[in-house]
């Protein structure tokens, strides 16, 4: 029984397209959430690494920490806090 792999079945094609599209949207959403949360995660983890490392690893942790601080939009954070308080 030969099967042509270049021509998909019409019944499974629609279902696979929907699942592929859903996976793509979930993947994009996950990447966006990771991009938005990454500086905050570094700010939480880097001080702990600074306590336990020395030498080159300590300098690397400091650079990561300061670059994470520079990537955060503090004006937006202050605006959000202002909206929550008033």
N, C-alpha and C. Protein backbone atom coordinates (compact mmCIF):
# COMPACT_ATOMS: atom_id res chain seq x y z
N UNK A 1 0.85 -1.16 0.00
CA UNK A 1 0.00 0.00 0.00
C UNK A 1 0.90 1.23 0.00
N UNK A 2 0.86 1.97 -1.07
CA UNK A 2 1.71 3.16 -1.15
C UNK A 2 0.96 4.37 -0.62
N UNK A 3 1.73 5.29 -0.07
CA UNK A 3 1.13 6.48 0.52
C UNK A 3 1.89 7.69 -0.01
N UNK A 4 1.16 8.65 -0.51
CA UNK A 4 1.79 9.86 -1.00
C UNK A 4 1.92 10.84 0.16
N UNK A 5 3.14 11.12 0.58
CA UNK A 5 3.37 11.98 1.74
C UNK A 5 3.31 13.46 1.39
N UNK A 6 3.30 13.79 0.10
CA UNK A 6 3.24 15.19 -0.29
C UNK A 6 1.83 15.76 -0.27
N UNK A 7 0.83 14.91 -0.37
CA UNK A 7 -0.56 15.36 -0.37
C UNK A 7 -1.18 14.94 0.96
N UNK A 8 -1.50 15.89 1.84
CA UNK A 8 -2.08 15.53 3.13
C UNK A 8 -3.53 15.10 3.00
N UNK A 9 -3.99 14.33 3.95
CA UNK A 9 -5.39 13.94 3.99
C UNK A 9 -6.23 15.15 4.32
N UNK A 10 -7.40 15.26 3.72
CA UNK A 10 -8.23 16.45 3.91
C UNK A 10 -8.83 16.49 5.32
N UNK A 11 -9.11 15.36 5.93
CA UNK A 11 -9.70 15.34 7.27
C UNK A 11 -8.71 15.73 8.35
N UNK A 12 -7.51 15.25 8.27
CA UNK A 12 -6.54 15.54 9.32
C UNK A 12 -5.80 16.85 9.07
N UNK A 13 -5.91 17.39 7.87
CA UNK A 13 -5.20 18.62 7.54
C UNK A 13 -5.76 19.80 8.34
N UNK A 14 -7.07 19.90 8.43
CA UNK A 14 -7.66 21.02 9.16
C UNK A 14 -7.35 20.95 10.64
N UNK A 15 -7.42 19.78 11.21
CA UNK A 15 -7.14 19.63 12.64
C UNK A 15 -5.67 19.93 12.93
N UNK A 16 -4.79 19.48 12.06
CA UNK A 16 -3.37 19.76 12.30
C UNK A 16 -3.06 21.23 12.11
N UNK A 17 -3.77 21.90 11.18
CA UNK A 17 -3.57 23.33 10.99
C UNK A 17 -4.01 24.10 12.23
N UNK A 18 -5.15 23.71 12.81
CA UNK A 18 -5.64 24.38 14.01
C UNK A 18 -4.69 24.18 15.18
N UNK A 19 -4.21 22.97 15.36
CA UNK A 19 -3.30 22.72 16.48
C UNK A 19 -1.96 23.41 16.25
N UNK A 20 -1.51 23.47 15.01
CA UNK A 20 -0.26 24.16 14.70
C UNK A 20 -0.41 25.66 14.97
N UNK A 21 -1.55 26.24 14.59
CA UNK A 21 -1.81 27.65 14.80
C UNK A 21 -1.91 27.95 16.30
N UNK A 22 -2.59 27.08 17.04
CA UNK A 22 -2.71 27.26 18.49
C UNK A 22 -1.35 27.18 19.16
N UNK A 23 -0.54 26.21 18.75
CA UNK A 23 0.81 26.09 19.32
C UNK A 23 1.64 27.34 19.03
N UNK A 24 1.47 27.89 17.84
CA UNK A 24 2.22 29.09 17.47
C UNK A 24 1.80 30.26 18.35
N UNK A 25 0.51 30.43 18.59
CA UNK A 25 0.05 31.52 19.45
C UNK A 25 0.50 31.34 20.89
N UNK A 26 0.47 30.13 21.38
CA UNK A 26 0.93 29.86 22.74
C UNK A 26 2.42 30.13 22.85
N UNK A 27 3.17 29.74 21.84
CA UNK A 27 4.61 29.96 21.84
C UNK A 27 4.93 31.45 21.84
N UNK A 28 4.22 32.22 21.03
CA UNK A 28 4.45 33.66 20.97
C UNK A 28 4.06 34.30 22.30
N UNK A 29 2.96 33.86 22.90
CA UNK A 29 2.55 34.39 24.19
C UNK A 29 3.55 34.07 25.29
N UNK A 30 4.09 32.85 25.25
CA UNK A 30 5.09 32.47 26.24
C UNK A 30 6.36 33.30 26.08
N UNK A 31 6.78 33.53 24.85
CA UNK A 31 7.99 34.33 24.62
C UNK A 31 7.77 35.77 25.08
N UNK A 32 6.58 36.33 24.84
CA UNK A 32 6.28 37.69 25.28
C UNK A 32 6.30 37.77 26.80
N UNK A 33 5.68 36.81 27.48
CA UNK A 33 5.67 36.81 28.94
C UNK A 33 7.08 36.64 29.50
N UNK A 34 7.87 35.79 28.87
CA UNK A 34 9.24 35.59 29.33
C UNK A 34 10.06 36.86 29.13
N UNK A 35 9.85 37.55 28.01
CA UNK A 35 10.56 38.79 27.74
C UNK A 35 10.20 39.87 28.74
N UNK A 36 8.92 39.93 29.13
CA UNK A 36 8.48 40.93 30.08
C UNK A 36 8.93 40.61 31.51
N UNK A 37 9.04 39.34 31.86
CA UNK A 37 9.40 38.95 33.22
C UNK A 37 10.90 38.75 33.42
N UNK A 38 11.66 38.67 32.36
CA UNK A 38 13.08 38.35 32.49
C UNK A 38 13.86 39.33 33.35
N UNK A 39 13.70 40.64 33.20
CA UNK A 39 14.47 41.54 34.08
C UNK A 39 14.10 41.37 35.55
N UNK A 40 12.84 41.09 35.82
CA UNK A 40 12.42 40.93 37.22
C UNK A 40 12.98 39.65 37.81
N UNK A 41 13.05 38.60 37.01
CA UNK A 41 13.63 37.35 37.51
C UNK A 41 15.11 37.51 37.78
N UNK A 42 15.81 38.26 36.93
CA UNK A 42 17.24 38.50 37.15
C UNK A 42 17.43 39.31 38.42
N UNK A 43 16.56 40.30 38.65
CA UNK A 43 16.67 41.10 39.87
C UNK A 43 16.42 40.27 41.13
N UNK A 44 15.67 39.20 41.00
CA UNK A 44 15.42 38.34 42.16
C UNK A 44 16.55 37.34 42.37
N UNK A 45 17.16 36.86 41.29
CA UNK A 45 18.17 35.80 41.40
C UNK A 45 19.58 36.34 41.56
N UNK A 46 19.91 37.43 40.90
CA UNK A 46 21.29 37.94 40.90
C UNK A 46 21.82 38.29 42.29
N UNK A 47 21.05 38.93 43.18
CA UNK A 47 21.61 39.20 44.52
C UNK A 47 21.95 37.93 45.29
N UNK A 48 21.18 36.88 45.08
CA UNK A 48 21.52 35.61 45.75
C UNK A 48 22.80 35.02 45.20
N UNK A 49 23.00 35.16 43.88
CA UNK A 49 24.25 34.67 43.29
C UNK A 49 25.44 35.50 43.77
N UNK A 50 25.22 36.80 43.99
CA UNK A 50 26.30 37.65 44.46
C UNK A 50 26.79 37.23 45.85
N UNK A 51 25.90 36.69 46.65
CA UNK A 51 26.28 36.25 48.00
C UNK A 51 27.19 35.03 47.98
N UNK A 52 27.01 34.15 46.99
CA UNK A 52 27.69 32.86 47.01
C UNK A 52 28.79 32.70 45.97
N UNK A 53 29.04 33.73 45.15
CA UNK A 53 30.07 33.60 44.12
C UNK A 53 31.22 34.55 44.39
N UNK A 54 32.31 34.29 43.72
CA UNK A 54 33.47 35.18 43.83
C UNK A 54 34.21 35.18 42.50
N UNK A 55 35.07 36.16 42.34
CA UNK A 55 35.89 36.22 41.14
C UNK A 55 35.11 36.64 39.92
N UNK A 56 35.38 35.94 38.83
CA UNK A 56 34.77 36.28 37.54
C UNK A 56 33.26 36.05 37.58
N UNK A 57 32.80 35.01 38.27
CA UNK A 57 31.37 34.75 38.34
C UNK A 57 30.64 35.89 39.05
N UNK A 58 31.29 36.48 40.06
CA UNK A 58 30.68 37.60 40.78
C UNK A 58 30.55 38.82 39.86
N UNK A 59 31.57 39.09 39.08
CA UNK A 59 31.51 40.22 38.14
C UNK A 59 30.43 39.98 37.10
N UNK A 60 30.32 38.74 36.63
CA UNK A 60 29.28 38.40 35.65
C UNK A 60 27.89 38.61 36.26
N UNK A 61 27.70 38.24 37.51
CA UNK A 61 26.40 38.43 38.18
C UNK A 61 26.11 39.92 38.36
N UNK A 62 27.13 40.71 38.67
CA UNK A 62 26.92 42.15 38.80
C UNK A 62 26.52 42.78 37.47
N UNK A 63 27.17 42.38 36.40
CA UNK A 63 26.83 42.92 35.08
C UNK A 63 25.40 42.54 34.71
N UNK A 64 25.00 41.31 34.96
CA UNK A 64 23.62 40.89 34.68
C UNK A 64 22.62 41.70 35.50
N UNK A 65 22.96 41.94 36.76
CA UNK A 65 22.07 42.69 37.65
C UNK A 65 21.90 44.12 37.15
N UNK A 66 22.99 44.79 36.81
CA UNK A 66 22.90 46.18 36.38
C UNK A 66 22.26 46.30 35.00
N UNK A 67 22.48 45.35 34.13
CA UNK A 67 21.82 45.41 32.83
C UNK A 67 20.32 45.15 32.96
N UNK A 68 19.92 44.31 33.92
CA UNK A 68 18.49 44.09 34.17
C UNK A 68 17.84 45.35 34.71
N UNK A 69 18.53 46.06 35.57
CA UNK A 69 17.99 47.32 36.09
C UNK A 69 17.80 48.32 34.95
N UNK A 70 18.73 48.35 34.03
CA UNK A 70 18.63 49.32 32.93
C UNK A 70 17.51 48.97 31.95
N UNK A 71 17.10 47.70 31.89
CA UNK A 71 16.04 47.30 30.95
C UNK A 71 14.64 47.54 31.49
N UNK A 72 14.50 47.78 32.79
CA UNK A 72 13.17 47.95 33.38
C UNK A 72 12.68 49.37 33.15
N UNK A 73 11.44 49.48 32.74
CA UNK A 73 10.80 50.78 32.52
C UNK A 73 10.20 51.25 33.85
N UNK A 74 11.00 51.98 34.63
CA UNK A 74 10.53 52.39 35.95
C UNK A 74 9.45 53.46 35.87
N UNK A 75 9.39 54.22 34.79
CA UNK A 75 8.33 55.21 34.64
C UNK A 75 6.98 54.50 34.54
N UNK A 76 6.94 53.40 33.79
CA UNK A 76 5.71 52.62 33.70
C UNK A 76 5.33 51.99 35.02
N UNK A 77 6.33 51.52 35.77
CA UNK A 77 6.07 50.91 37.08
C UNK A 77 5.51 51.96 38.03
N UNK A 78 6.13 53.15 38.05
CA UNK A 78 5.64 54.22 38.91
C UNK A 78 4.25 54.67 38.50
N UNK A 79 3.97 54.70 37.22
CA UNK A 79 2.62 55.04 36.75
C UNK A 79 1.60 54.01 37.20
N UNK A 80 1.95 52.74 37.13
CA UNK A 80 1.05 51.69 37.60
C UNK A 80 0.81 51.81 39.09
N UNK A 81 1.87 52.04 39.87
CA UNK A 81 1.70 52.22 41.31
C UNK A 81 0.87 53.44 41.64
N UNK A 82 1.05 54.51 40.88
CA UNK A 82 0.24 55.71 41.09
C UNK A 82 -1.23 55.44 40.81
N UNK A 83 -1.53 54.70 39.74
CA UNK A 83 -2.92 54.35 39.44
C UNK A 83 -3.51 53.46 40.52
N UNK A 84 -2.71 52.57 41.07
CA UNK A 84 -3.22 51.68 42.12
C UNK A 84 -3.46 52.42 43.44
N UNK A 85 -2.65 53.42 43.72
CA UNK A 85 -2.80 54.15 44.97
C UNK A 85 -3.93 55.17 44.94
N UNK A 86 -4.17 55.78 43.79
CA UNK A 86 -5.21 56.80 43.71
C UNK A 86 -6.37 56.24 43.01
